PDB file of all heavy atoms in Angstrom:
ATOM      1  N   ASP A   1      33.926 -25.177 -46.274  1.00  0.00           N
ATOM      2  CA  ASP A   1      34.450 -25.383 -44.915  1.00  0.00           C
ATOM      3  C   ASP A   1      33.803 -24.468 -43.878  1.00  0.00           C
ATOM      4  O   ASP A   1      34.457 -24.046 -42.911  1.00  0.00           O
ATOM      5  CB  ASP A   1      35.975 -25.247 -44.878  1.00  0.00           C
ATOM      6  CG  ASP A   1      36.650 -26.363 -45.657  1.00  0.00           C
ATOM      7  OD1 ASP A   1      36.150 -27.502 -45.615  1.00  0.00           O
ATOM      8  OD2 ASP A   1      37.672 -26.084 -46.313  1.00  0.00           O
ATOM      9  N   VAL A   2      32.546 -24.168 -44.084  1.00  0.00           N
ATOM     10  CA  VAL A   2      31.765 -23.433 -43.100  1.00  0.00           C
ATOM     11  C   VAL A   2      31.005 -24.475 -42.277  1.00  0.00           C
ATOM     12  O   VAL A   2      30.430 -25.415 -42.830  1.00  0.00           O
ATOM     13  CB  VAL A   2      30.788 -22.454 -43.792  1.00  0.00           C
ATOM     14  CG1 VAL A   2      29.879 -21.783 -42.788  1.00  0.00           C
ATOM     15  CG2 VAL A   2      31.563 -21.415 -44.598  1.00  0.00           C
ATOM     16  N   THR A   3      31.011 -24.318 -40.965  1.00  0.00           N
ATOM     17  CA  THR A   3      30.340 -25.258 -40.075  1.00  0.00           C
ATOM     18  C   THR A   3      28.888 -24.846 -39.871  1.00  0.00           C
ATOM     19  O   THR A   3      28.615 -23.683 -39.544  1.00  0.00           O
ATOM     20  CB  THR A   3      31.057 -25.305 -38.708  1.00  0.00           C
ATOM     21  OG1 THR A   3      32.415 -25.678 -38.921  1.00  0.00           O
ATOM     22  CG2 THR A   3      30.391 -26.286 -37.769  1.00  0.00           C
ATOM     23  N   ILE A   4      27.971 -25.774 -40.058  1.00  0.00           N
ATOM     24  CA  ILE A   4      26.556 -25.511 -39.812  1.00  0.00           C
ATOM     25  C   ILE A   4      26.296 -25.777 -38.328  1.00  0.00           C
ATOM     26  O   ILE A   4      26.512 -26.885 -37.839  1.00  0.00           O
ATOM     27  CB  ILE A   4      25.652 -26.413 -40.685  1.00  0.00           C
ATOM     28  CG1 ILE A   4      26.005 -26.257 -42.172  1.00  0.00           C
ATOM     29  CG2 ILE A   4      24.178 -26.118 -40.408  1.00  0.00           C
ATOM     30  CD1 ILE A   4      25.871 -24.862 -42.729  1.00  0.00           C
ATOM     31  N   LEU A   5      25.855 -24.757 -37.615  1.00  0.00           N
ATOM     32  CA  LEU A   5      25.570 -24.890 -36.185  1.00  0.00           C
ATOM     33  C   LEU A   5      24.113 -25.243 -35.922  1.00  0.00           C
ATOM     34  O   LEU A   5      23.809 -25.953 -34.957  1.00  0.00           O
ATOM     35  CB  LEU A   5      25.910 -23.590 -35.450  1.00  0.00           C
ATOM     36  CG  LEU A   5      27.357 -23.107 -35.575  1.00  0.00           C
ATOM     37  CD1 LEU A   5      27.527 -21.772 -34.858  1.00  0.00           C
ATOM     38  CD2 LEU A   5      28.318 -24.145 -35.027  1.00  0.00           C
ATOM     39  N   ALA A   6      23.214 -24.717 -36.754  1.00  0.00           N
ATOM     40  CA  ALA A   6      21.780 -24.971 -36.565  1.00  0.00           C
ATOM     41  C   ALA A   6      21.044 -24.721 -37.865  1.00  0.00           C
ATOM     42  O   ALA A   6      21.463 -23.915 -38.692  1.00  0.00           O
ATOM     43  CB  ALA A   6      21.218 -24.068 -35.469  1.00  0.00           C
ATOM     44  N   ALA A   7      19.942 -25.434 -38.021  1.00  0.00           N
ATOM     45  CA  ALA A   7      19.040 -25.215 -39.158  1.00  0.00           C
ATOM     46  C   ALA A   7      17.648 -25.004 -38.594  1.00  0.00           C
ATOM     47  O   ALA A   7      17.228 -25.701 -37.666  1.00  0.00           O
ATOM     48  CB  ALA A   7      19.065 -26.416 -40.099  1.00  0.00           C
ATOM     49  N   ASN A   8      16.962 -24.020 -39.120  1.00  0.00           N
ATOM     50  CA  ASN A   8      15.603 -23.694 -38.696  1.00  0.00           C
ATOM     51  C   ASN A   8      15.536 -23.448 -37.189  1.00  0.00           C
ATOM     52  O   ASN A   8      14.659 -23.962 -36.500  1.00  0.00           O
ATOM     53  CB  ASN A   8      14.628 -24.783 -39.134  1.00  0.00           C
ATOM     54  CG  ASN A   8      14.719 -25.044 -40.616  1.00  0.00           C
ATOM     55  OD1 ASN A   8      15.157 -26.102 -41.036  1.00  0.00           O
ATOM     56  ND2 ASN A   8      14.358 -24.060 -41.425  1.00  0.00           N
ATOM     57  N   TRP A   9      16.465 -22.646 -36.691  1.00  0.00           N
ATOM     58  CA  TRP A   9      16.510 -22.318 -35.274  1.00  0.00           C
ATOM     59  C   TRP A   9      15.363 -21.363 -34.946  1.00  0.00           C
ATOM     60  O   TRP A   9      15.188 -20.334 -35.592  1.00  0.00           O
ATOM     61  CB  TRP A   9      17.863 -21.694 -34.910  1.00  0.00           C
ATOM     62  CG  TRP A   9      18.062 -21.577 -33.435  1.00  0.00           C
ATOM     63  CD1 TRP A   9      18.565 -22.528 -32.609  1.00  0.00           C
ATOM     64  CD2 TRP A   9      17.737 -20.458 -32.614  1.00  0.00           C
ATOM     65  NE1 TRP A   9      18.571 -22.067 -31.314  1.00  0.00           N
ATOM     66  CE2 TRP A   9      18.060 -20.794 -31.299  1.00  0.00           C
ATOM     67  CE3 TRP A   9      17.184 -19.204 -32.869  1.00  0.00           C
ATOM     68  CZ2 TRP A   9      17.875 -19.925 -30.225  1.00  0.00           C
ATOM     69  CZ3 TRP A   9      16.996 -18.342 -31.811  1.00  0.00           C
ATOM     70  CH2 TRP A   9      17.340 -18.702 -30.501  1.00  0.00           C
ATOM     71  N   ARG A  10      14.573 -21.726 -33.946  1.00  0.00           N
ATOM     72  CA  ARG A  10      13.365 -20.956 -33.610  1.00  0.00           C
ATOM     73  C   ARG A  10      13.401 -20.422 -32.191  1.00  0.00           C
ATOM     74  O   ARG A  10      13.972 -21.040 -31.303  1.00  0.00           O
ATOM     75  CB  ARG A  10      12.131 -21.839 -33.742  1.00  0.00           C
ATOM     76  CG  ARG A  10      11.862 -22.326 -35.122  1.00  0.00           C
ATOM     77  CD  ARG A  10      10.699 -23.333 -35.111  1.00  0.00           C
ATOM     78  NE  ARG A  10      10.655 -24.080 -36.335  1.00  0.00           N
ATOM     79  CZ  ARG A  10       9.957 -23.739 -37.398  1.00  0.00           C
ATOM     80  NH1 ARG A  10       9.226 -22.658 -37.368  1.00  0.00           N
ATOM     81  NH2 ARG A  10       9.980 -24.477 -38.485  1.00  0.00           N
ATOM     82  N   CYS A  11      12.729 -19.297 -32.035  1.00  0.00           N
ATOM     83  CA  CYS A  11      12.476 -18.702 -30.729  1.00  0.00           C
ATOM     84  C   CYS A  11      11.164 -17.935 -30.871  1.00  0.00           C
ATOM     85  O   CYS A  11      10.588 -17.894 -31.964  1.00  0.00           O
ATOM     86  CB  CYS A  11      13.631 -17.793 -30.308  1.00  0.00           C
ATOM     87  SG  CYS A  11      13.693 -16.215 -31.170  1.00  0.00           S
ATOM     88  N   PRO A  12      10.661 -17.321 -29.806  1.00  0.00           N
ATOM     89  CA  PRO A  12       9.393 -16.590 -29.935  1.00  0.00           C
ATOM     90  C   PRO A  12       9.388 -15.465 -30.977  1.00  0.00           C
ATOM     91  O   PRO A  12       8.344 -15.083 -31.480  1.00  0.00           O
ATOM     92  CB  PRO A  12       9.167 -16.029 -28.527  1.00  0.00           C
ATOM     93  CG  PRO A  12       9.884 -16.987 -27.632  1.00  0.00           C
ATOM     94  CD  PRO A  12      11.104 -17.409 -28.419  1.00  0.00           C
ATOM     95  N   TYR A  13      10.567 -14.945 -31.317  1.00  0.00           N
ATOM     96  CA  TYR A  13      10.633 -13.839 -32.286  1.00  0.00           C
ATOM     97  C   TYR A  13      10.563 -14.303 -33.732  1.00  0.00           C
ATOM     98  O   TYR A  13      10.193 -13.540 -34.611  1.00  0.00           O
ATOM     99  CB  TYR A  13      11.918 -13.033 -32.088  1.00  0.00           C
ATOM    100  CG  TYR A  13      12.013 -12.414 -30.728  1.00  0.00           C
ATOM    101  CD1 TYR A  13      12.952 -12.862 -29.820  1.00  0.00           C
ATOM    102  CD2 TYR A  13      11.150 -11.391 -30.345  1.00  0.00           C
ATOM    103  CE1 TYR A  13      13.038 -12.293 -28.552  1.00  0.00           C
ATOM    104  CE2 TYR A  13      11.227 -10.825 -29.091  1.00  0.00           C
ATOM    105  CZ  TYR A  13      12.171 -11.286 -28.200  1.00  0.00           C
ATOM    106  OH  TYR A  13      12.253 -10.726 -26.950  1.00  0.00           O
ATOM    107  N   GLY A  14      10.964 -15.546 -33.981  1.00  0.00           N
ATOM    108  CA  GLY A  14      10.964 -16.025 -35.352  1.00  0.00           C
ATOM    109  C   GLY A  14      11.906 -17.193 -35.549  1.00  0.00           C
ATOM    110  O   GLY A  14      12.235 -17.904 -34.604  1.00  0.00           O
ATOM    111  N   GLU A  15      12.343 -17.336 -36.787  1.00  0.00           N
ATOM    112  CA  GLU A  15      13.191 -18.458 -37.170  1.00  0.00           C
ATOM    113  C   GLU A  15      14.349 -17.967 -38.023  1.00  0.00           C
ATOM    114  O   GLU A  15      14.192 -17.045 -38.836  1.00  0.00           O
ATOM    115  CB  GLU A  15      12.380 -19.461 -37.983  1.00  0.00           C
ATOM    116  CG  GLU A  15      13.178 -20.611 -38.526  1.00  0.00           C
ATOM    117  CD  GLU A  15      12.359 -21.545 -39.404  1.00  0.00           C
ATOM    118  OE1 GLU A  15      11.126 -21.454 -39.403  1.00  0.00           O
ATOM    119  OE2 GLU A  15      12.981 -22.347 -40.098  1.00  0.00           O
ATOM    120  N   ILE A  16      15.488 -18.594 -37.838  1.00  0.00           N
ATOM    121  CA  ILE A  16      16.644 -18.346 -38.702  1.00  0.00           C
ATOM    122  C   ILE A  16      16.876 -19.638 -39.467  1.00  0.00           C
ATOM    123  O   ILE A  16      17.006 -20.711 -38.872  1.00  0.00           O
ATOM    124  CB  ILE A  16      17.884 -17.931 -37.901  1.00  0.00           C
ATOM    125  CG1 ILE A  16      17.611 -16.576 -37.232  1.00  0.00           C
ATOM    126  CG2 ILE A  16      19.110 -17.857 -38.813  1.00  0.00           C
ATOM    127  CD1 ILE A  16      18.727 -16.067 -36.371  1.00  0.00           C
ATOM    128  N   ASP A  17      16.921 -19.530 -40.787  1.00  0.00           N
ATOM    129  CA  ASP A  17      17.036 -20.720 -41.629  1.00  0.00           C
ATOM    130  C   ASP A  17      18.321 -21.494 -41.357  1.00  0.00           C
ATOM    131  O   ASP A  17      18.299 -22.713 -41.202  1.00  0.00           O
ATOM    132  CB  ASP A  17      16.952 -20.347 -43.112  1.00  0.00           C
ATOM    133  CG  ASP A  17      15.599 -19.758 -43.476  1.00  0.00           C
ATOM    134  OD1 ASP A  17      14.585 -20.166 -42.881  1.00  0.00           O
ATOM    135  OD2 ASP A  17      15.572 -18.892 -44.368  1.00  0.00           O
ATOM    136  N   ILE A  18      19.443 -20.780 -41.335  1.00  0.00           N
ATOM    137  CA  ILE A  18      20.739 -21.434 -41.121  1.00  0.00           C
ATOM    138  C   ILE A  18      21.580 -20.550 -40.214  1.00  0.00           C
ATOM    139  O   ILE A  18      21.673 -19.341 -40.424  1.00  0.00           O
ATOM    140  CB  ILE A  18      21.493 -21.646 -42.452  1.00  0.00           C
ATOM    141  CG1 ILE A  18      20.689 -22.528 -43.406  1.00  0.00           C
ATOM    142  CG2 ILE A  18      22.882 -22.246 -42.208  1.00  0.00           C
ATOM    143  CD1 ILE A  18      21.245 -22.571 -44.819  1.00  0.00           C
ATOM    144  N   ILE A  19      22.195 -21.187 -39.229  1.00  0.00           N
ATOM    145  CA  ILE A  19      23.213 -20.510 -38.425  1.00  0.00           C
ATOM    146  C   ILE A  19      24.494 -21.296 -38.679  1.00  0.00           C
ATOM    147  O   ILE A  19      24.542 -22.514 -38.479  1.00  0.00           O
ATOM    148  CB  ILE A  19      22.855 -20.482 -36.928  1.00  0.00           C
ATOM    149  CG1 ILE A  19      21.522 -19.741 -36.727  1.00  0.00           C
ATOM    150  CG2 ILE A  19      23.983 -19.809 -36.135  1.00  0.00           C
ATOM    151  CD1 ILE A  19      20.994 -19.792 -35.305  1.00  0.00           C
ATOM    152  N   ALA A  20      25.497 -20.588 -39.162  1.00  0.00           N
ATOM    153  CA  ALA A  20      26.744 -21.237 -39.564  1.00  0.00           C
ATOM    154  C   ALA A  20      27.917 -20.407 -39.064  1.00  0.00           C
ATOM    155  O   ALA A  20      27.737 -19.265 -38.635  1.00  0.00           O
ATOM    156  CB  ALA A  20      26.783 -21.388 -41.078  1.00  0.00           C
ATOM    157  N   ALA A  21      29.106 -21.003 -39.129  1.00  0.00           N
ATOM    158  CA  ALA A  21      30.252 -20.270 -38.597  1.00  0.00           C
ATOM    159  C   ALA A  21      31.554 -20.687 -39.251  1.00  0.00           C
ATOM    160  O   ALA A  21      31.717 -21.816 -39.711  1.00  0.00           O
ATOM    161  CB  ALA A  21      30.352 -20.502 -37.092  1.00  0.00           C
ATOM    162  N   THR A  22      32.455 -19.724 -39.258  1.00  0.00           N
ATOM    163  CA  THR A  22      33.857 -19.977 -39.533  1.00  0.00           C
ATOM    164  C   THR A  22      34.581 -19.718 -38.212  1.00  0.00           C
ATOM    165  O   THR A  22      33.936 -19.457 -37.185  1.00  0.00           O
ATOM    166  CB  THR A  22      34.400 -19.032 -40.623  1.00  0.00           C
ATOM    167  OG1 THR A  22      34.284 -17.684 -40.159  1.00  0.00           O
ATOM    168  CG2 THR A  22      33.668 -19.207 -41.937  1.00  0.00           C
ATOM    169  N   GLU A  23      35.869 -19.731 -38.244  1.00  0.00           N
ATOM    170  CA  GLU A  23      36.621 -19.492 -37.008  1.00  0.00           C
ATOM    171  C   GLU A  23      36.316 -18.114 -36.418  1.00  0.00           C
ATOM    172  O   GLU A  23      36.240 -17.963 -35.199  1.00  0.00           O
ATOM    173  CB  GLU A  23      38.116 -19.616 -37.290  1.00  0.00           C
ATOM    174  CG  GLU A  23      38.970 -19.519 -36.052  1.00  0.00           C
ATOM    175  CD  GLU A  23      40.442 -19.708 -36.357  1.00  0.00           C
ATOM    176  OE1 GLU A  23      40.778 -20.539 -37.222  1.00  0.00           O
ATOM    177  OE2 GLU A  23      41.246 -18.993 -35.730  1.00  0.00           O
ATOM    178  N   LYS A  24      36.104 -17.120 -37.283  1.00  0.00           N
ATOM    179  CA  LYS A  24      35.951 -15.746 -36.801  1.00  0.00           C
ATOM    180  C   LYS A  24      34.565 -15.158 -36.949  1.00  0.00           C
ATOM    181  O   LYS A  24      34.262 -14.154 -36.306  1.00  0.00           O
ATOM    182  CB  LYS A  24      36.949 -14.839 -37.534  1.00  0.00           C
ATOM    183  CG  LYS A  24      38.387 -15.177 -37.219  1.00  0.00           C
ATOM    184  CD  LYS A  24      39.331 -14.248 -37.910  1.00  0.00           C
ATOM    185  CE  LYS A  24      40.762 -14.639 -37.565  1.00  0.00           C
ATOM    186  NZ  LYS A  24      41.734 -13.735 -38.142  1.00  0.00           N
ATOM    187  N   GLU A  25      33.708 -15.748 -37.796  1.00  0.00           N
ATOM    188  CA  GLU A  25      32.400 -15.143 -38.057  1.00  0.00           C
ATOM    189  C   GLU A  25      31.257 -16.117 -37.810  1.00  0.00           C
ATOM    190  O   GLU A  25      31.388 -17.329 -38.003  1.00  0.00           O
ATOM    191  CB  GLU A  25      32.311 -14.646 -39.505  1.00  0.00           C
ATOM    192  CG  GLU A  25      33.221 -13.471 -39.779  1.00  0.00           C
ATOM    193  CD  GLU A  25      33.036 -12.941 -41.187  1.00  0.00           C
ATOM    194  OE1 GLU A  25      33.288 -13.704 -42.141  1.00  0.00           O
ATOM    195  OE2 GLU A  25      32.638 -11.779 -41.314  1.00  0.00           O
ATOM    196  N   LEU A  26      30.133 -15.535 -37.410  1.00  0.00           N
ATOM    197  CA  LEU A  26      28.897 -16.274 -37.188  1.00  0.00           C
ATOM    198  C   LEU A  26      27.884 -15.779 -38.210  1.00  0.00           C
ATOM    199  O   LEU A  26      27.604 -14.580 -38.269  1.00  0.00           O
ATOM    200  CB  LEU A  26      28.402 -16.005 -35.765  1.00  0.00           C
ATOM    201  CG  LEU A  26      27.147 -16.726 -35.320  1.00  0.00           C
ATOM    202  CD1 LEU A  26      27.403 -18.235 -35.255  1.00  0.00           C
ATOM    203  CD2 LEU A  26      26.715 -16.211 -33.953  1.00  0.00           C
ATOM    204  N   TYR A  27      27.377 -16.681 -39.039  1.00  0.00           N
ATOM    205  CA  TYR A  27      26.465 -16.307 -40.120  1.00  0.00           C
ATOM    206  C   TYR A  27      25.030 -16.616 -39.706  1.00  0.00           C
ATOM    207  O   TYR A  27      24.718 -17.755 -39.353  1.00  0.00           O
ATOM    208  CB  TYR A  27      26.725 -17.118 -41.391  1.00  0.00           C
ATOM    209  CG  TYR A  27      28.112 -17.127 -41.962  1.00  0.00           C
ATOM    210  CD1 TYR A  27      28.395 -17.979 -43.011  1.00  0.00           C
ATOM    211  CD2 TYR A  27      29.136 -16.315 -41.493  1.00  0.00           C
ATOM    212  CE1 TYR A  27      29.655 -18.023 -43.586  1.00  0.00           C
ATOM    213  CE2 TYR A  27      30.395 -16.356 -42.067  1.00  0.00           C
ATOM    214  CZ  TYR A  27      30.653 -17.212 -43.108  1.00  0.00           C
ATOM    215  OH  TYR A  27      31.894 -17.253 -43.676  1.00  0.00           O
ATOM    216  N   PHE A  28      24.169 -15.629 -39.803  1.00  0.00           N
ATOM    217  CA  PHE A  28      22.727 -15.829 -39.685  1.00  0.00           C
ATOM    218  C   PHE A  28      22.198 -15.706 -41.113  1.00  0.00           C
ATOM    219  O   PHE A  28      22.245 -14.625 -41.707  1.00  0.00           O
ATOM    220  CB  PHE A  28      22.101 -14.785 -38.765  1.00  0.00           C
ATOM    221  CG  PHE A  28      22.563 -14.909 -37.335  1.00  0.00           C
ATOM    222  CD1 PHE A  28      23.504 -14.035 -36.813  1.00  0.00           C
ATOM    223  CD2 PHE A  28      22.067 -15.919 -36.520  1.00  0.00           C
ATOM    224  CE1 PHE A  28      23.936 -14.148 -35.497  1.00  0.00           C
ATOM    225  CE2 PHE A  28      22.493 -16.048 -35.197  1.00  0.00           C
ATOM    226  CZ  PHE A  28      23.427 -15.162 -34.685  1.00  0.00           C
ATOM    227  N   VAL A  29      21.741 -16.820 -41.663  1.00  0.00           N
ATOM    228  CA  VAL A  29      21.436 -16.874 -43.091  1.00  0.00           C
ATOM    229  C   VAL A  29      19.935 -17.020 -43.330  1.00  0.00           C
ATOM    230  O   VAL A  29      19.301 -17.958 -42.841  1.00  0.00           O
ATOM    231  CB  VAL A  29      22.174 -18.049 -43.776  1.00  0.00           C
ATOM    232  CG1 VAL A  29      21.935 -18.029 -45.278  1.00  0.00           C
ATOM    233  CG2 VAL A  29      23.660 -18.021 -43.443  1.00  0.00           C
ATOM    234  N   GLU A  30      19.388 -16.110 -44.107  1.00  0.00           N
ATOM    235  CA  GLU A  30      18.006 -16.192 -44.574  1.00  0.00           C
ATOM    236  C   GLU A  30      18.051 -16.756 -45.989  1.00  0.00           C
ATOM    237  O   GLU A  30      18.765 -16.229 -46.850  1.00  0.00           O
ATOM    238  CB  GLU A  30      17.361 -14.806 -44.577  1.00  0.00           C
ATOM    239  CG  GLU A  30      15.968 -14.752 -45.146  1.00  0.00           C
ATOM    240  CD  GLU A  30      14.920 -15.447 -44.286  1.00  0.00           C
ATOM    241  OE1 GLU A  30      15.213 -15.835 -43.137  1.00  0.00           O
ATOM    242  OE2 GLU A  30      13.792 -15.584 -44.775  1.00  0.00           O
ATOM    243  N   VAL A  31      17.317 -17.836 -46.220  1.00  0.00           N
ATOM    244  CA  VAL A  31      17.300 -18.485 -47.526  1.00  0.00           C
ATOM    245  C   VAL A  31      15.943 -18.251 -48.180  1.00  0.00           C
ATOM    246  O   VAL A  31      14.906 -18.470 -47.560  1.00  0.00           O
ATOM    247  CB  VAL A  31      17.562 -20.007 -47.399  1.00  0.00           C
ATOM    248  CG1 VAL A  31      17.524 -20.673 -48.776  1.00  0.00           C
ATOM    249  CG2 VAL A  31      18.891 -20.269 -46.710  1.00  0.00           C
ATOM    250  N   LYS A  32      15.972 -17.825 -49.421  1.00  0.00           N
ATOM    251  CA  LYS A  32      14.754 -17.639 -50.212  1.00  0.00           C
ATOM    252  C   LYS A  32      14.870 -18.509 -51.458  1.00  0.00           C
ATOM    253  O   LYS A  32      15.845 -18.405 -52.200  1.00  0.00           O
ATOM    254  CB  LYS A  32      14.584 -16.168 -50.624  1.00  0.00           C
ATOM    255  CG  LYS A  32      14.368 -15.234 -49.454  1.00  0.00           C
ATOM    256  CD  LYS A  32      13.051 -15.515 -48.793  1.00  0.00           C
ATOM    257  CE  LYS A  32      12.737 -14.510 -47.707  1.00  0.00           C
ATOM    258  NZ  LYS A  32      11.518 -14.845 -46.993  1.00  0.00           N
ATOM    259  N   THR A  33      13.886 -19.375 -51.655  1.00  0.00           N
ATOM    260  CA  THR A  33      13.904 -20.285 -52.799  1.00  0.00           C
ATOM    261  C   THR A  33      12.659 -20.051 -53.641  1.00  0.00           C
ATOM    262  O   THR A  33      11.551 -19.989 -53.112  1.00  0.00           O
ATOM    263  CB  THR A  33      13.924 -21.758 -52.322  1.00  0.00           C
ATOM    264  OG1 THR A  33      15.024 -21.935 -51.433  1.00  0.00           O
ATOM    265  CG2 THR A  33      14.043 -22.714 -53.493  1.00  0.00           C
ATOM    266  N   ARG A  34      12.869 -19.943 -54.948  1.00  0.00           N
ATOM    267  CA  ARG A  34      11.752 -19.765 -55.875  1.00  0.00           C
ATOM    268  C   ARG A  34      12.048 -20.497 -57.171  1.00  0.00           C
ATOM    269  O   ARG A  34      13.187 -20.794 -57.497  1.00  0.00           O
ATOM    270  CB  ARG A  34      11.530 -18.282 -56.178  1.00  0.00           C
ATOM    271  CG  ARG A  34      11.119 -17.497 -54.959  1.00  0.00           C
ATOM    272  CD  ARG A  34      10.036 -16.508 -55.285  1.00  0.00           C
ATOM    273  NE  ARG A  34       9.674 -15.783 -54.079  1.00  0.00           N
ATOM    274  CZ  ARG A  34      10.094 -14.577 -53.764  1.00  0.00           C
ATOM    275  NH1 ARG A  34      10.897 -13.931 -54.566  1.00  0.00           N
ATOM    276  NH2 ARG A  34       9.708 -13.999 -52.657  1.00  0.00           N
ATOM    277  N   ARG A  35      10.979 -20.717 -57.915  1.00  0.00           N
ATOM    278  CA  ARG A  35      11.114 -21.370 -59.220  1.00  0.00           C
ATOM    279  C   ARG A  35      11.485 -20.377 -60.313  1.00  0.00           C
ATOM    280  O   ARG A  35      12.020 -20.768 -61.343  1.00  0.00           O
ATOM    281  CB  ARG A  35       9.823 -22.104 -59.569  1.00  0.00           C
ATOM    282  CG  ARG A  35       9.585 -23.305 -58.653  1.00  0.00           C
ATOM    283  CD  ARG A  35       8.250 -23.937 -58.919  1.00  0.00           C
ATOM    284  NE  ARG A  35       8.217 -24.554 -60.226  1.00  0.00           N
ATOM    285  CZ  ARG A  35       8.161 -25.855 -60.438  1.00  0.00           C
ATOM    286  NH1 ARG A  35       8.132 -26.691 -59.430  1.00  0.00           N
ATOM    287  NH2 ARG A  35       8.128 -26.331 -61.666  1.00  0.00           N
ATOM    288  N   SER A  36      11.153 -19.103 -60.120  1.00  0.00           N
ATOM    289  CA  SER A  36      11.480 -18.110 -61.150  1.00  0.00           C
ATOM    290  C   SER A  36      11.692 -16.747 -60.515  1.00  0.00           C
ATOM    291  O   SER A  36      11.391 -16.534 -59.344  1.00  0.00           O
ATOM    292  CB  SER A  36      10.356 -18.025 -62.184  1.00  0.00           C
ATOM    293  OG  SER A  36       9.255 -17.316 -61.660  1.00  0.00           O
ATOM    294  N   ARG A  37      12.159 -15.807 -61.332  1.00  0.00           N
ATOM    295  CA  ARG A  37      12.362 -14.426 -60.895  1.00  0.00           C
ATOM    296  C   ARG A  37      11.187 -13.543 -61.300  1.00  0.00           C
ATOM    297  O   ARG A  37      11.286 -12.331 -61.233  1.00  0.00           O
ATOM    298  CB  ARG A  37      13.625 -13.864 -61.527  1.00  0.00           C
ATOM    299  CG  ARG A  37      14.889 -14.483 -61.063  1.00  0.00           C
ATOM    300  CD  ARG A  37      16.059 -13.736 -61.719  1.00  0.00           C
ATOM    301  NE  ARG A  37      17.332 -14.249 -61.264  1.00  0.00           N
ATOM    302  CZ  ARG A  37      18.011 -15.196 -61.885  1.00  0.00           C
ATOM    303  NH1 ARG A  37      17.552 -15.730 -62.991  1.00  0.00           N
ATOM    304  NH2 ARG A  37      19.159 -15.594 -61.414  1.00  0.00           N
ATOM    305  N   SER A  38      10.094 -14.129 -61.731  1.00  0.00           N
ATOM    306  CA  SER A  38       9.015 -13.347 -62.335  1.00  0.00           C
ATOM    307  C   SER A  38       8.401 -12.313 -61.396  1.00  0.00           C
ATOM    308  O   SER A  38       7.924 -11.290 -61.844  1.00  0.00           O
ATOM    309  CB  SER A  38       7.916 -14.274 -62.864  1.00  0.00           C
ATOM    310  OG  SER A  38       7.363 -15.023 -61.798  1.00  0.00           O
ATOM    311  N   TYR A  39       8.432 -12.546 -60.094  1.00  0.00           N
ATOM    312  CA  TYR A  39       7.811 -11.607 -59.166  1.00  0.00           C
ATOM    313  C   TYR A  39       8.786 -10.515 -58.754  1.00  0.00           C
ATOM    314  O   TYR A  39       8.540  -9.337 -58.938  1.00  0.00           O
ATOM    315  CB  TYR A  39       7.267 -12.365 -57.945  1.00  0.00           C
ATOM    316  CG  TYR A  39       6.666 -11.477 -56.898  1.00  0.00           C
ATOM    317  CD1 TYR A  39       5.557 -10.693 -57.174  1.00  0.00           C
ATOM    318  CD2 TYR A  39       7.231 -11.394 -55.642  1.00  0.00           C
ATOM    319  CE1 TYR A  39       5.010  -9.870 -56.214  1.00  0.00           C
ATOM    320  CE2 TYR A  39       6.687 -10.579 -54.681  1.00  0.00           C
ATOM    321  CZ  TYR A  39       5.586  -9.818 -54.972  1.00  0.00           C
ATOM    322  OH  TYR A  39       5.060  -9.006 -54.021  1.00  0.00           O
ATOM    323  N   MET A  40       9.886 -10.884 -58.175  1.00  0.00           N
ATOM    324  CA  MET A  40      10.929  -9.936 -57.756  1.00  0.00           C
ATOM    325  C   MET A  40      12.193 -10.730 -57.480  1.00  0.00           C
ATOM    326  O   MET A  40      12.148 -11.939 -57.352  1.00  0.00           O
ATOM    327  CB  MET A  40      10.505  -9.174 -56.498  1.00  0.00           C
ATOM    328  CG  MET A  40      10.487 -10.019 -55.230  1.00  0.00           C
ATOM    329  SD  MET A  40      10.192  -9.118 -53.690  1.00  0.00           S
ATOM    330  CE  MET A  40       8.422  -8.985 -53.709  1.00  0.00           C
ATOM    331  N   GLU A  41      13.290 -10.026 -57.414  1.00  0.00           N
ATOM    332  CA  GLU A  41      14.514 -10.680 -56.983  1.00  0.00           C
ATOM    333  C   GLU A  41      14.288 -11.166 -55.554  1.00  0.00           C
ATOM    334  O   GLU A  41      13.675 -10.476 -54.739  1.00  0.00           O
ATOM    335  CB  GLU A  41      15.691  -9.714 -57.027  1.00  0.00           C
ATOM    336  CG  GLU A  41      16.103  -9.326 -58.430  1.00  0.00           C
ATOM    337  CD  GLU A  41      16.718 -10.474 -59.202  1.00  0.00           C
ATOM    338  OE1 GLU A  41      17.505 -11.240 -58.628  1.00  0.00           O
ATOM    339  OE2 GLU A  41      16.412 -10.601 -60.397  1.00  0.00           O
ATOM    340  N   ILE A  42      14.788 -12.333 -55.254  1.00  0.00           N
ATOM    341  CA  ILE A  42      14.520 -12.927 -53.947  1.00  0.00           C
ATOM    342  C   ILE A  42      15.033 -12.051 -52.820  1.00  0.00           C
ATOM    343  O   ILE A  42      14.361 -11.869 -51.814  1.00  0.00           O
ATOM    344  CB  ILE A  42      15.118 -14.349 -53.864  1.00  0.00           C
ATOM    345  CG1 ILE A  42      14.372 -15.278 -54.834  1.00  0.00           C
ATOM    346  CG2 ILE A  42      15.035 -14.902 -52.466  1.00  0.00           C
ATOM    347  CD1 ILE A  42      14.947 -16.666 -54.936  1.00  0.00           C
ATOM    348  N   ARG A  43      16.216 -11.487 -52.980  1.00  0.00           N
ATOM    349  CA  ARG A  43      16.779 -10.691 -51.886  1.00  0.00           C
ATOM    350  C   ARG A  43      15.893  -9.495 -51.542  1.00  0.00           C
ATOM    351  O   ARG A  43      15.951  -8.981 -50.444  1.00  0.00           O
ATOM    352  CB  ARG A  43      18.210 -10.277 -52.187  1.00  0.00           C
ATOM    353  CG  ARG A  43      18.365  -9.321 -53.327  1.00  0.00           C
ATOM    354  CD  ARG A  43      19.845  -9.008 -53.596  1.00  0.00           C
ATOM    355  NE  ARG A  43      19.987  -8.218 -54.772  1.00  0.00           N
ATOM    356  CZ  ARG A  43      20.039  -8.689 -56.006  1.00  0.00           C
ATOM    357  NH1 ARG A  43      19.973  -9.977 -56.209  1.00  0.00           N
ATOM    358  NH2 ARG A  43      20.179  -7.883 -57.038  1.00  0.00           N
ATOM    359  N   GLU A  44      15.057  -9.061 -52.485  1.00  0.00           N
ATOM    360  CA  GLU A  44      14.132  -7.969 -52.224  1.00  0.00           C
ATOM    361  C   GLU A  44      13.026  -8.386 -51.249  1.00  0.00           C
ATOM    362  O   GLU A  44      12.369  -7.542 -50.661  1.00  0.00           O
ATOM    363  CB  GLU A  44      13.513  -7.476 -53.533  1.00  0.00           C
ATOM    364  CG  GLU A  44      14.521  -6.849 -54.466  1.00  0.00           C
ATOM    365  CD  GLU A  44      13.940  -6.553 -55.847  1.00  0.00           C
ATOM    366  OE1 GLU A  44      12.742  -6.778 -56.071  1.00  0.00           O
ATOM    367  OE2 GLU A  44      14.707  -6.096 -56.699  1.00  0.00           O
TER     368      GLU A  44
END
């Protein structure tokens, strides 16, 4: 039940993969997708 406000929102500084919201919070979400963990943990 999180509302998606924007996907791939861009400006001169860069891009935010997902902007989403609940009643009280606004989420700026960075998404990292990989086939394996062999290089590093994605959050790193």
